[in-house]
Amino acid sequence: MKYDISGHARDMMNERQIPEEWVMETLNSPDYSEEKEDGTTHYIKAIIEHGSRFLRVITNPMDLRVVTLFFDRRLKKEVKK
């Protein structure tokens, strides 16, 4: 599925030095995803090139837009299934 990246998400990619390739990998092949009550979907993937830290990409599935993204420090090296 093709997602647009919001201005805010692009700013966060630049600020946090997150390549678009990692964002697309997370969207296309997440380790897992979560649908939240606010209507967003969170895609989570361990990024090997970044010490296996978990990248969380938050999307609005209604307009196929990446809202924001960040490395989630709350998640440990275990991946939920």
PDB file of N, CA and C in Angstrom:
ATOM      1  N   MET A   1       0.839  -1.179   0.000  1.00  0.00           N
ATOM      2  CA  MET A   1       0.000   0.000   0.000  1.00  0.00           C
ATOM      3  C   MET A   1       0.891   1.252   0.000  1.00  0.00           C
ATOM      4  N   LYS A   2       0.500   2.245  -0.708  1.00  0.00           N
ATOM      5  CA  LYS A   2       1.286   3.487  -0.840  1.00  0.00           C
ATOM      6  C   LYS A   2       0.785   4.528   0.157  1.00  0.00           C
ATOM      7  N   TYR A   3       1.677   4.996   1.008  1.00  0.00           N
ATOM      8  CA  TYR A   3       1.347   6.029   1.991  1.00  0.00           C
ATOM      9  C   TYR A   3       2.040   7.329   1.625  1.00  0.00           C
ATOM     10  N   ASP A   4       1.334   8.444   1.816  1.00  0.00           N
ATOM     11  CA  ASP A   4       1.956   9.762   1.740  1.00  0.00           C
ATOM     12  C   ASP A   4       2.594  10.040   3.095  1.00  0.00           C
ATOM     13  N   ILE A   5       3.660  10.815   3.100  1.00  0.00           N
ATOM     14  CA  ILE A   5       4.338  11.167   4.349  1.00  0.00           C
ATOM     15  C   ILE A   5       4.040  12.629   4.643  1.00  0.00           C
ATOM     16  N   SER A   6       3.444  12.882   5.800  1.00  0.00           N
ATOM     17  CA  SER A   6       3.078  14.249   6.177  1.00  0.00           C
ATOM     18  C   SER A   6       4.326  15.106   6.366  1.00  0.00           C
ATOM     19  N   GLY A   7       4.140  16.415   6.330  1.00  0.00           N
ATOM     20  CA  GLY A   7       5.240  17.347   6.574  1.00  0.00           C
ATOM     21  C   GLY A   7       5.872  17.112   7.929  1.00  0.00           C
ATOM     22  N   HIS A   8       5.030  16.896   8.940  1.00  0.00           N
ATOM     23  CA  HIS A   8       5.537  16.637  10.289  1.00  0.00           C
ATOM     24  C   HIS A   8       6.401  15.370  10.299  1.00  0.00           C
ATOM     25  N   ALA A   9       5.916  14.306   9.656  1.00  0.00           N
ATOM     26  CA  ALA A   9       6.669  13.049   9.635  1.00  0.00           C
ATOM     27  C   ALA A   9       8.005  13.246   8.918  1.00  0.00           C
ATOM     28  N   ARG A  10       8.007  14.004   7.820  1.00  0.00           N
ATOM     29  CA  ARG A  10       9.276  14.296   7.113  1.00  0.00           C
ATOM     30  C   ARG A  10      10.239  15.064   8.013  1.00  0.00           C
ATOM     31  N   ASP A  11       9.700  16.041   8.757  1.00  0.00           N
ATOM     32  CA  ASP A  11      10.539  16.781   9.702  1.00  0.00           C
ATOM     33  C   ASP A  11      11.160  15.837  10.732  1.00  0.00           C
ATOM     34  N   MET A  12      10.355  14.894  11.240  1.00  0.00           N
ATOM     35  CA  MET A  12      10.849  13.944  12.236  1.00  0.00           C
ATOM     36  C   MET A  12      11.897  13.013  11.622  1.00  0.00           C
ATOM     37  N   MET A  13      11.701  12.613  10.367  1.00  0.00           N
ATOM     38  CA  MET A  13      12.692  11.780   9.679  1.00  0.00           C
ATOM     39  C   MET A  13      14.028  12.515   9.608  1.00  0.00           C
ATOM     40  N   ASN A  14      13.980  13.785   9.236  1.00  0.00           N
ATOM     41  CA  ASN A  14      15.208  14.583   9.144  1.00  0.00           C
ATOM     42  C   ASN A  14      15.843  14.792  10.509  1.00  0.00           C
ATOM     43  N   GLU A  15      15.027  15.186  11.478  1.00  0.00           N
ATOM     44  CA  GLU A  15      15.527  15.477  12.821  1.00  0.00           C
ATOM     45  C   GLU A  15      16.127  14.236  13.479  1.00  0.00           C
ATOM     46  N   ARG A  16      15.489  13.090  13.264  1.00  0.00           N
ATOM     47  CA  ARG A  16      15.906  11.852  13.920  1.00  0.00           C
ATOM     48  C   ARG A  16      16.786  10.979  13.029  1.00  0.00           C
ATOM     49  N   GLN A  17      17.115  11.489  11.846  1.00  0.00           N
ATOM     50  CA  GLN A  17      17.969  10.791  10.887  1.00  0.00           C
ATOM     51  C   GLN A  17      17.448   9.389  10.579  1.00  0.00           C
ATOM     52  N   ILE A  18      16.165   9.331  10.221  1.00  0.00           N
ATOM     53  CA  ILE A  18      15.513   8.074   9.866  1.00  0.00           C
ATOM     54  C   ILE A  18      15.314   8.060   8.353  1.00  0.00           C
ATOM     55  N   PRO A  19      16.011   7.166   7.642  1.00  0.00           N
ATOM     56  CA  PRO A  19      15.863   7.116   6.186  1.00  0.00           C
ATOM     57  C   PRO A  19      14.460   6.659   5.768  1.00  0.00           C
ATOM     58  N   GLU A  20      13.999   7.167   4.647  1.00  0.00           N
ATOM     59  CA  GLU A  20      12.689   6.773   4.127  1.00  0.00           C
ATOM     60  C   GLU A  20      12.629   5.263   3.885  1.00  0.00           C
ATOM     61  N   GLU A  21      13.745   4.666   3.536  1.00  0.00           N
ATOM     62  CA  GLU A  21      13.811   3.220   3.316  1.00  0.00           C
ATOM     63  C   GLU A  21      13.342   2.456   4.560  1.00  0.00           C
ATOM     64  N   TRP A  22      13.772   2.903   5.757  1.00  0.00           N
ATOM     65  CA  TRP A  22      13.354   2.239   6.995  1.00  0.00           C
ATOM     66  C   TRP A  22      11.860   2.402   7.220  1.00  0.00           C
ATOM     67  N   VAL A  23      11.325   3.569   6.883  1.00  0.00           N
ATOM     68  CA  VAL A  23       9.892   3.826   7.039  1.00  0.00           C
ATOM     69  C   VAL A  23       9.121   2.875   6.130  1.00  0.00           C
ATOM     70  N   MET A  24       9.543   2.756   4.875  1.00  0.00           N
ATOM     71  CA  MET A  24       8.849   1.887   3.924  1.00  0.00           C
ATOM     72  C   MET A  24       8.956   0.421   4.335  1.00  0.00           C
ATOM     73  N   GLU A  25      10.133   0.002   4.833  1.00  0.00           N
ATOM     74  CA  GLU A  25      10.299  -1.376   5.328  1.00  0.00           C
ATOM     75  C   GLU A  25       9.325  -1.650   6.461  1.00  0.00           C
ATOM     76  N   THR A  26       9.178  -0.683   7.353  1.00  0.00           N
ATOM     77  CA  THR A  26       8.292  -0.852   8.504  1.00  0.00           C
ATOM     78  C   THR A  26       6.844  -0.954   8.051  1.00  0.00           C
ATOM     79  N   LEU A  27       6.445  -0.137   7.096  1.00  0.00           N
ATOM     80  CA  LEU A  27       5.072  -0.186   6.592  1.00  0.00           C
ATOM     81  C   LEU A  27       4.793  -1.466   5.805  1.00  0.00           C
ATOM     82  N   ASN A  28       5.745  -1.888   4.993  1.00  0.00           N
ATOM     83  CA  ASN A  28       5.530  -3.032   4.107  1.00  0.00           C
ATOM     84  C   ASN A  28       5.773  -4.385   4.760  1.00  0.00           C
ATOM     85  N   SER A  29       6.603  -4.408   5.804  1.00  0.00           N
ATOM     86  CA  SER A  29       6.951  -5.672   6.444  1.00  0.00           C
ATOM     87  C   SER A  29       7.162  -5.470   7.942  1.00  0.00           C
ATOM     88  N   PRO A  30       6.119  -5.032   8.659  1.00  0.00           N
ATOM     89  CA  PRO A  30       6.292  -4.778  10.103  1.00  0.00           C
ATOM     90  C   PRO A  30       6.476  -6.086  10.874  1.00  0.00           C
ATOM     91  N   ASP A  31       7.141  -5.986  12.026  1.00  0.00           N
ATOM     92  CA  ASP A  31       7.202  -7.132  12.932  1.00  0.00           C
ATOM     93  C   ASP A  31       5.820  -7.364  13.524  1.00  0.00           C
ATOM     94  N   TYR A  32       5.113  -6.281  13.768  1.00  0.00           N
ATOM     95  CA  TYR A  32       3.710  -6.339  14.171  1.00  0.00           C
ATOM     96  C   TYR A  32       3.082  -4.974  14.027  1.00  0.00           C
ATOM     97  N   SER A  33       1.766  -4.940  14.142  1.00  0.00           N
ATOM     98  CA  SER A  33       1.046  -3.666  14.050  1.00  0.00           C
ATOM     99  C   SER A  33      -0.042  -3.624  15.112  1.00  0.00           C
ATOM    100  N   GLU A  34      -0.475  -2.405  15.415  1.00  0.00           N
ATOM    101  CA  GLU A  34      -1.509  -2.185  16.432  1.00  0.00           C
ATOM    102  C   GLU A  34      -2.525  -1.186  15.892  1.00  0.00           C
ATOM    103  N   GLU A  35      -3.791  -1.531  15.994  1.00  0.00           N
ATOM    104  CA  GLU A  35      -4.850  -0.582  15.659  1.00  0.00           C
ATOM    105  C   GLU A  35      -5.289   0.081  16.957  1.00  0.00           C
ATOM    106  N   LYS A  36      -5.249   1.399  16.985  1.00  0.00           N
ATOM    107  CA  LYS A  36      -5.552   2.149  18.202  1.00  0.00           C
ATOM    108  C   LYS A  36      -6.969   2.701  18.163  1.00  0.00           C
ATOM    109  N   GLU A  37      -7.499   3.025  19.340  1.00  0.00           N
ATOM    110  CA  GLU A  37      -8.863   3.552  19.464  1.00  0.00           C
ATOM    111  C   GLU A  37      -9.060   4.874  18.745  1.00  0.00           C
ATOM    112  N   ASP A  38      -7.983   5.633  18.560  1.00  0.00           N
ATOM    113  CA  ASP A  38      -8.105   6.930  17.887  1.00  0.00           C
ATOM    114  C   ASP A  38      -8.167   6.798  16.364  1.00  0.00           C
ATOM    115  N   GLY A  39      -8.168   5.558  15.869  1.00  0.00           N
ATOM    116  CA  GLY A  39      -8.275   5.328  14.436  1.00  0.00           C
ATOM    117  C   GLY A  39      -6.945   5.207  13.722  1.00  0.00           C
ATOM    118  N   THR A  40      -5.833   5.388  14.428  1.00  0.00           N
ATOM    119  CA  THR A  40      -4.526   5.259  13.795  1.00  0.00           C
ATOM    120  C   THR A  40      -4.076   3.802  13.828  1.00  0.00           C
ATOM    121  N   THR A  41      -3.160   3.481  12.939  1.00  0.00           N
ATOM    122  CA  THR A  41      -2.508   2.176  12.947  1.00  0.00           C
ATOM    123  C   THR A  41      -1.028   2.407  13.164  1.00  0.00           C
ATOM    124  N   HIS A  42      -0.456   1.644  14.090  1.00  0.00           N
ATOM    125  CA  HIS A  42       0.958   1.753  14.426  1.00  0.00           C
ATOM    126  C   HIS A  42       1.668   0.525  13.864  1.00  0.00           C
ATOM    127  N   TYR A  43       2.693   0.751  13.053  1.00  0.00           N
ATOM    128  CA  TYR A  43       3.515  -0.317  12.501  1.00  0.00           C
ATOM    129  C   TYR A  43       4.853  -0.279  13.215  1.00  0.00           C
ATOM    130  N   ILE A  44       5.304  -1.452  13.677  1.00  0.00           N
ATOM    131  CA  ILE A  44       6.518  -1.520  14.481  1.00  0.00           C
ATOM    132  C   ILE A  44       7.467  -2.535  13.860  1.00  0.00           C
ATOM    133  N   LYS A  45       8.742  -2.145  13.761  1.00  0.00           N
ATOM    134  CA  LYS A  45       9.750  -3.047  13.197  1.00  0.00           C
ATOM    135  C   LYS A  45      11.098  -2.767  13.851  1.00  0.00           C
ATOM    136  N   ALA A  46      11.817  -3.847  14.178  1.00  0.00           N
ATOM    137  CA  ALA A  46      13.194  -3.720  14.668  1.00  0.00           C
ATOM    138  C   ALA A  46      14.085  -3.392  13.475  1.00  0.00           C
ATOM    139  N   ILE A  47      14.839  -2.323  13.585  1.00  0.00           N
ATOM    140  CA  ILE A  47      15.736  -1.897  12.517  1.00  0.00           C
ATOM    141  C   ILE A  47      17.149  -2.374  12.861  1.00  0.00           C
ATOM    142  N   ILE A  48      17.583  -3.413  12.175  1.00  0.00           N
ATOM    143  CA  ILE A  48      18.883  -4.032  12.442  1.00  0.00           C
ATOM    144  C   ILE A  48      20.005  -2.999  12.356  1.00  0.00           C
ATOM    145  N   GLU A  49      19.947  -2.152  11.314  1.00  0.00           N
ATOM    146  CA  GLU A  49      20.998  -1.161  11.080  1.00  0.00           C
ATOM    147  C   GLU A  49      21.071  -0.095  12.174  1.00  0.00           C
ATOM    148  N   HIS A  50      20.083  -0.071  13.044  1.00  0.00           N
ATOM    149  CA  HIS A  50      20.051   0.912  14.131  1.00  0.00           C
ATOM    150  C   HIS A  50      20.029   0.187  15.485  1.00  0.00           C
ATOM    151  N   GLY A  51      20.841  -0.850  15.584  1.00  0.00           N
ATOM    152  CA  GLY A  51      20.968  -1.582  16.844  1.00  0.00           C
ATOM    153  C   GLY A  51      19.726  -2.353  17.227  1.00  0.00           C
ATOM    154  N   SER A  52      18.931  -2.748  16.232  1.00  0.00           N
ATOM    155  CA  SER A  52      17.677  -3.482  16.431  1.00  0.00           C
ATOM    156  C   SER A  52      16.668  -2.719  17.279  1.00  0.00           C
ATOM    157  N   ARG A  53      16.806  -1.402  17.314  1.00  0.00           N
ATOM    158  CA  ARG A  53      15.796  -0.589  18.009  1.00  0.00           C
ATOM    159  C   ARG A  53      14.515  -0.605  17.200  1.00  0.00           C
ATOM    160  N   PHE A  54      13.383  -0.442  17.894  1.00  0.00           N
ATOM    161  CA  PHE A  54      12.079  -0.538  17.245  1.00  0.00           C
ATOM    162  C   PHE A  54      11.619   0.810  16.711  1.00  0.00           C
ATOM    163  N   LEU A  55      11.368   0.840  15.399  1.00  0.00           N
ATOM    164  CA  LEU A  55      10.809   2.015  14.759  1.00  0.00           C
ATOM    165  C   LEU A  55       9.290   1.881  14.781  1.00  0.00           C
ATOM    166  N   ARG A  56       8.625   2.905  15.275  1.00  0.00           N
ATOM    167  CA  ARG A  56       7.161   2.953  15.302  1.00  0.00           C
ATOM    168  C   ARG A  56       6.730   4.002  14.279  1.00  0.00           C
ATOM    169  N   VAL A  57       5.944   3.564  13.293  1.00  0.00           N
ATOM    170  CA  VAL A  57       5.420   4.449  12.262  1.00  0.00           C
ATOM    171  C   VAL A  57       3.912   4.501  12.450  1.00  0.00           C
ATOM    172  N   ILE A  58       3.394   5.707  12.715  1.00  0.00           N
ATOM    173  CA  ILE A  58       1.975   5.888  13.004  1.00  0.00           C
ATOM    174  C   ILE A  58       1.298   6.452  11.766  1.00  0.00           C
ATOM    175  N   THR A  59       0.226   5.758  11.339  1.00  0.00           N
ATOM    176  CA  THR A  59      -0.473   6.160  10.120  1.00  0.00           C
ATOM    177  C   THR A  59      -1.936   6.447  10.390  1.00  0.00           C
ATOM    178  N   ASN A  60      -2.496   7.259   9.513  1.00  0.00           N
ATOM    179  CA  ASN A  60      -3.941   7.455   9.453  1.00  0.00           C
ATOM    180  C   ASN A  60      -4.387   6.645   8.244  1.00  0.00           C
ATOM    181  N   PRO A  61      -5.008   5.480   8.468  1.00  0.00           N
ATOM    182  CA  PRO A  61      -5.365   4.622   7.343  1.00  0.00           C
ATOM    183  C   PRO A  61      -6.488   5.188   6.472  1.00  0.00           C
ATOM    184  N   MET A  62      -7.237   6.149   6.988  1.00  0.00           N
ATOM    185  CA  MET A  62      -8.339   6.725   6.212  1.00  0.00           C
ATOM    186  C   MET A  62      -7.824   7.514   5.018  1.00  0.00           C
ATOM    187  N   ASP A  63      -6.711   8.239   5.185  1.00  0.00           N
ATOM    188  CA  ASP A  63      -6.169   8.999   4.061  1.00  0.00           C
ATOM    189  C   ASP A  63      -4.773   8.509   3.640  1.00  0.00           C
ATOM    190  N   LEU A  64      -4.410   7.300   4.119  1.00  0.00           N
ATOM    191  CA  LEU A  64      -3.124   6.681   3.764  1.00  0.00           C
ATOM    192  C   LEU A  64      -1.957   7.647   3.939  1.00  0.00           C
ATOM    193  N   ARG A  65      -1.853   8.174   5.164  1.00  0.00           N
ATOM    194  CA  ARG A  65      -0.820   9.159   5.467  1.00  0.00           C
ATOM    195  C   ARG A  65      -0.030   8.728   6.701  1.00  0.00           C
ATOM    196  N   VAL A  66       1.309   8.863   6.609  1.00  0.00           N
ATOM    197  CA  VAL A  66       2.167   8.676   7.782  1.00  0.00           C
ATOM    198  C   VAL A  66       2.065   9.953   8.598  1.00  0.00           C
ATOM    199  N   VAL A  67       1.627   9.815   9.847  1.00  0.00           N
ATOM    200  CA  VAL A  67       1.415  10.967  10.720  1.00  0.00           C
ATOM    201  C   VAL A  67       2.699  11.354  11.430  1.00  0.00           C
ATOM    202  N   THR A  68       3.371  10.366  12.024  1.00  0.00           N
ATOM    203  CA  THR A  68       4.628  10.609  12.730  1.00  0.00           C
ATOM    204  C   THR A  68       5.375   9.292  12.861  1.00  0.00           C
ATOM    205  N   LEU A  69       6.590   9.348  13.371  1.00  0.00           N
ATOM    206  CA  LEU A  69       7.399   8.150  13.547  1.00  0.00           C
ATOM    207  C   LEU A  69       8.499   8.443  14.550  1.00  0.00           C
ATOM    208  N   PHE A  70       8.941   7.391  15.210  1.00  0.00           N
ATOM    209  CA  PHE A  70      10.006   7.546  16.202  1.00  0.00           C
ATOM    210  C   PHE A  70      10.520   6.179  16.605  1.00  0.00           C
ATOM    211  N   PHE A  71      11.733   6.147  17.173  1.00  0.00           N
ATOM    212  CA  PHE A  71      12.243   4.924  17.774  1.00  0.00           C
ATOM    213  C   PHE A  71      11.639   4.835  19.168  1.00  0.00           C
ATOM    214  N   ASP A  72      10.924   3.743  19.394  1.00  0.00           N
ATOM    215  CA  ASP A  72      10.161   3.575  20.630  1.00  0.00           C
ATOM    216  C   ASP A  72      11.052   2.954  21.702  1.00  0.00           C
ATOM    217  N   ARG A  73      11.495   3.769  22.633  1.00  0.00           N
ATOM    218  CA  ARG A  73      12.389   3.307  23.701  1.00  0.00           C
ATOM    219  C   ARG A  73      11.674   2.415  24.713  1.00  0.00           C
ATOM    220  N   ARG A  74      10.345   2.445  24.709  1.00  0.00           N
ATOM    221  CA  ARG A  74       9.586   1.618  25.657  1.00  0.00           C
ATOM    222  C   ARG A  74       9.615   0.142  25.271  1.00  0.00           C
ATOM    223  N   LEU A  75       9.853  -0.129  23.992  1.00  0.00           N
ATOM    224  CA  LEU A  75       9.857  -1.514  23.527  1.00  0.00           C
ATOM    225  C   LEU A  75      11.228  -2.132  23.710  1.00  0.00           C
ATOM    226  N   LYS A  76      11.225  -3.351  24.154  1.00  0.00           N
ATOM    227  CA  LYS A  76      12.475  -4.074  24.381  1.00  0.00           C
ATOM    228  C   LYS A  76      12.780  -4.924  23.152  1.00  0.00           C
ATOM    229  N   LYS A  77      13.819  -5.696  23.226  1.00  0.00           N
ATOM    230  CA  LYS A  77      14.262  -6.499  22.082  1.00  0.00           C
ATOM    231  C   LYS A  77      13.305  -7.625  21.736  1.00  0.00           C
ATOM    232  N   GLU A  78      12.343  -7.935  22.601  1.00  0.00           N
ATOM    233  CA  GLU A  78      11.349  -8.956  22.282  1.00  0.00           C
ATOM    234  C   GLU A  78      10.288  -8.362  21.361  1.00  0.00           C
ATOM    235  N   VAL A  79       9.892  -9.120  20.382  1.00  0.00           N
ATOM    236  CA  VAL A  79       8.853  -8.675  19.456  1.00  0.00           C
ATOM    237  C   VAL A  79       7.559  -9.383  19.825  1.00  0.00           C
ATOM    238  N   LYS A  80       6.490  -8.597  19.985  1.00  0.00           N
ATOM    239  CA  LYS A  80       5.167  -9.178  20.237  1.00  0.00           C
ATOM    240  C   LYS A  80       4.691  -9.839  18.957  1.00  0.00           C
ATOM    241  N   LYS A  81       3.950 -10.905  19.081  1.00  0.00           N
ATOM    242  CA  LYS A  81       3.352 -11.571  17.908  1.00  0.00           C
ATOM    243  C   LYS A  81       1.855 -11.511  18.002  1.00  0.00           C
TER     244      LYS A  81
END
